[in-house]
Amino acid sequence: MQSLPFLPSGRLTVFRHKRLFSRKGSGYNGPRRRTVAENEWIREFPAAVMVCDESGAITEMNDLAARNYEAEGGRALIGRDLLACHPEPARTKLAALMDGHQANVYTIEKHGRKKLIYQAPWFRVGRYAGFVEISFEIPSALPHFVRT
């Protein structure tokens, strides 16, 4: 990722507007700033997130993804071919999705737990950069709302 000239490399500045006016009422003090490591929020996010690059090599996984794939190697999967981790016919379907830069959304039930799987391409400056899989548990009866 290319860093912006006003931010340290690999860092993201987050603004917090806790107090808009000073205690003396002299006006706006400006936002408080704190710096967090890029993608730090995803580490303990309650969904398994796995990312691969345009060649299909796994480049990142968060803590939950590493635990979910512990039997297959966990974080040792980083650097391996994503397609090699899938049996047929899932491998062929995933290859077609990656080649066509198409998203795929479905639910599964495994070990009595229902999950939503969201697989989609990601892009860097408008160019295909790889694929992301996000998997999270959902209730067996999920409410559905139609909004206008």
Protein backbone atom coordinates (compact mmCIF):
# COMPACT_ATOMS: atom_id res chain seq x y z
CA MET A 1 0.00 0.00 0.00
CA GLN A 2 1.31 3.42 -0.89
CA SER A 3 1.56 5.77 2.09
CA LEU A 4 0.21 9.23 2.06
CA PRO A 5 2.92 11.90 2.48
CA PHE A 6 1.38 13.26 5.69
CA LEU A 7 1.03 9.89 7.43
CA PRO A 8 3.76 7.57 8.69
CA SER A 9 4.14 4.49 6.51
CA GLY A 10 1.65 1.74 7.36
CA ARG A 11 -0.28 3.92 9.79
CA LEU A 12 -3.79 5.31 9.70
CA THR A 13 -4.82 8.45 11.54
CA VAL A 14 -8.17 8.29 13.31
CA PHE A 15 -9.91 11.43 14.51
CA ARG A 16 -12.07 11.46 17.64
CA HIS A 17 -14.45 14.29 18.37
CA LYS A 18 -14.98 13.80 22.12
CA ARG A 19 -15.04 17.45 23.11
CA LEU A 20 -15.88 20.07 20.51
CA PHE A 21 -15.43 23.10 22.76
CA SER A 22 -12.89 23.95 25.42
CA ARG A 23 -13.89 24.08 29.08
CA LYS A 24 -13.54 27.84 29.02
CA GLY A 25 -15.95 28.05 26.08
CA SER A 26 -13.33 29.64 23.84
CA GLY A 27 -14.46 27.66 20.81
CA TYR A 28 -13.50 24.60 18.84
CA ASN A 29 -10.33 22.83 19.95
CA GLY A 30 -10.10 20.59 16.88
CA PRO A 31 -10.24 16.82 16.80
CA ARG A 32 -8.12 14.66 19.06
CA ARG A 33 -5.89 12.36 17.03
CA ARG A 34 -4.59 8.90 17.70
CA THR A 35 -2.66 6.70 15.34
CA VAL A 36 -3.47 3.01 14.92
CA ALA A 37 -1.70 0.39 12.87
CA GLU A 38 -3.36 -0.19 9.53
CA ASN A 39 -5.89 -3.05 9.70
CA GLU A 40 -5.45 -3.36 13.47
CA TRP A 41 -9.23 -3.36 13.95
CA ILE A 42 -9.63 -6.59 12.00
CA ARG A 43 -7.27 -8.68 14.16
CA GLU A 44 -9.93 -9.51 16.77
CA PHE A 45 -13.00 -8.79 14.63
CA PRO A 46 -15.69 -11.46 15.31
CA ALA A 47 -15.60 -12.82 11.75
CA ALA A 48 -12.97 -14.92 10.01
CA VAL A 49 -11.23 -12.81 7.35
CA MET A 50 -8.79 -14.28 4.83
CA VAL A 51 -7.19 -12.34 1.97
CA CYS A 52 -5.28 -13.51 -1.09
CA ASP A 53 -3.41 -11.59 -3.78
CA GLU A 54 -4.09 -11.59 -7.52
CA SER A 55 -2.09 -14.81 -7.98
CA GLY A 56 -4.20 -16.61 -5.34
CA ALA A 57 -1.51 -16.67 -2.62
CA ILE A 58 -2.93 -16.17 0.87
CA THR A 59 -1.50 -12.92 2.21
CA GLU A 60 -3.42 -12.22 5.41
CA MET A 61 -5.77 -13.77 7.93
CA ASN A 62 -7.14 -12.47 11.18
CA ASP A 63 -7.08 -14.34 14.50
CA LEU A 64 -10.44 -16.07 14.00
CA ALA A 65 -9.50 -17.29 10.52
CA ALA A 66 -6.23 -18.66 11.90
CA ARG A 67 -8.18 -20.54 14.61
CA ASN A 68 -10.79 -21.82 12.14
CA TYR A 69 -8.08 -23.19 9.84
CA GLU A 70 -5.78 -24.41 12.63
CA ALA A 71 -6.14 -28.06 11.57
CA GLU A 72 -4.98 -27.09 8.07
CA GLY A 73 -2.02 -25.10 9.39
CA GLY A 74 -3.51 -21.81 10.64
CA ARG A 75 -1.18 -18.89 9.91
CA ALA A 76 1.21 -21.31 8.17
CA LEU A 77 -1.27 -21.12 5.27
CA ILE A 78 -0.02 -17.59 4.53
CA GLY A 79 1.92 -17.78 1.29
CA ARG A 80 0.11 -20.93 0.10
CA ASP A 81 -2.21 -21.11 -2.89
CA LEU A 82 -5.82 -20.49 -1.85
CA LEU A 83 -7.14 -22.86 -4.53
CA ALA A 84 -4.99 -25.72 -3.20
CA CYS A 85 -6.86 -25.38 0.11
CA HIS A 86 -10.23 -26.15 -1.52
CA PRO A 87 -11.51 -29.56 -2.68
CA GLU A 88 -13.42 -30.01 -5.94
CA PRO A 89 -15.94 -28.75 -6.99
CA ALA A 90 -15.32 -25.71 -4.73
CA ARG A 91 -11.85 -25.21 -6.25
CA THR A 92 -13.21 -24.87 -9.81
CA LYS A 93 -16.00 -22.53 -8.68
CA LEU A 94 -13.59 -20.33 -6.70
CA ALA A 95 -11.15 -20.17 -9.64
CA ALA A 96 -13.97 -19.00 -11.92
CA LEU A 97 -15.03 -16.35 -9.38
CA MET A 98 -11.45 -15.10 -9.07
CA ASP A 99 -10.93 -15.06 -12.84
CA GLY A 100 -14.21 -13.22 -13.40
CA HIS A 101 -13.73 -10.89 -10.40
CA GLN A 102 -17.19 -11.90 -9.14
CA ALA A 103 -18.60 -12.03 -5.62
CA ASN A 104 -20.18 -15.11 -4.07
CA VAL A 105 -22.47 -15.12 -1.02
CA TYR A 106 -24.00 -18.16 0.64
CA THR A 107 -24.79 -19.75 4.00
CA ILE A 108 -23.58 -23.06 5.42
CA GLU A 109 -24.21 -25.11 8.53
CA LYS A 110 -21.22 -26.82 10.11
CA HIS A 111 -21.05 -28.50 13.53
CA GLY A 112 -24.56 -27.20 14.29
CA ARG A 113 -23.59 -23.56 13.64
CA LYS A 114 -24.91 -21.53 10.73
CA LYS A 115 -22.51 -19.20 8.93
CA LEU A 116 -22.69 -16.59 6.21
CA ILE A 117 -19.79 -16.74 3.74
CA TYR A 118 -18.98 -13.65 1.66
CA GLN A 119 -16.28 -14.01 -0.99
CA ALA A 120 -15.44 -11.02 -3.16
CA PRO A 121 -12.63 -9.48 -5.18
CA TRP A 122 -10.71 -6.53 -3.76
CA PHE A 123 -9.13 -3.78 -5.80
CA ARG A 124 -6.17 -1.45 -5.46
CA VAL A 125 -6.47 1.84 -7.36
CA GLY A 126 -9.19 0.29 -9.54
CA ARG A 127 -7.18 -2.82 -10.50
CA TYR A 128 -7.95 -6.35 -9.34
CA ALA A 129 -5.65 -7.16 -6.40
CA GLY A 130 -7.04 -10.43 -5.06
CA PHE A 131 -9.91 -12.05 -3.21
CA VAL A 132 -11.33 -11.78 0.32
CA GLU A 133 -13.37 -14.33 2.24
CA ILE A 134 -15.35 -13.20 5.28
CA SER A 135 -17.14 -15.85 7.32
CA PHE A 136 -19.25 -15.23 10.40
CA GLU A 137 -21.82 -17.04 12.50
CA ILE A 138 -25.45 -16.04 12.10
CA PRO A 139 -28.55 -17.05 14.08
CA SER A 140 -30.53 -19.98 12.68
CA ALA A 141 -33.58 -17.71 12.34
CA LEU A 142 -32.44 -14.42 10.86
CA PRO A 143 -34.84 -11.47 10.73
CA HIS A 144 -35.27 -9.83 7.34
CA PHE A 145 -36.36 -6.21 6.92
CA VAL A 146 -37.52 -4.47 3.76
CA ARG A 147 -36.61 -0.81 3.90
CA THR A 148 -37.74 1.97 1.66
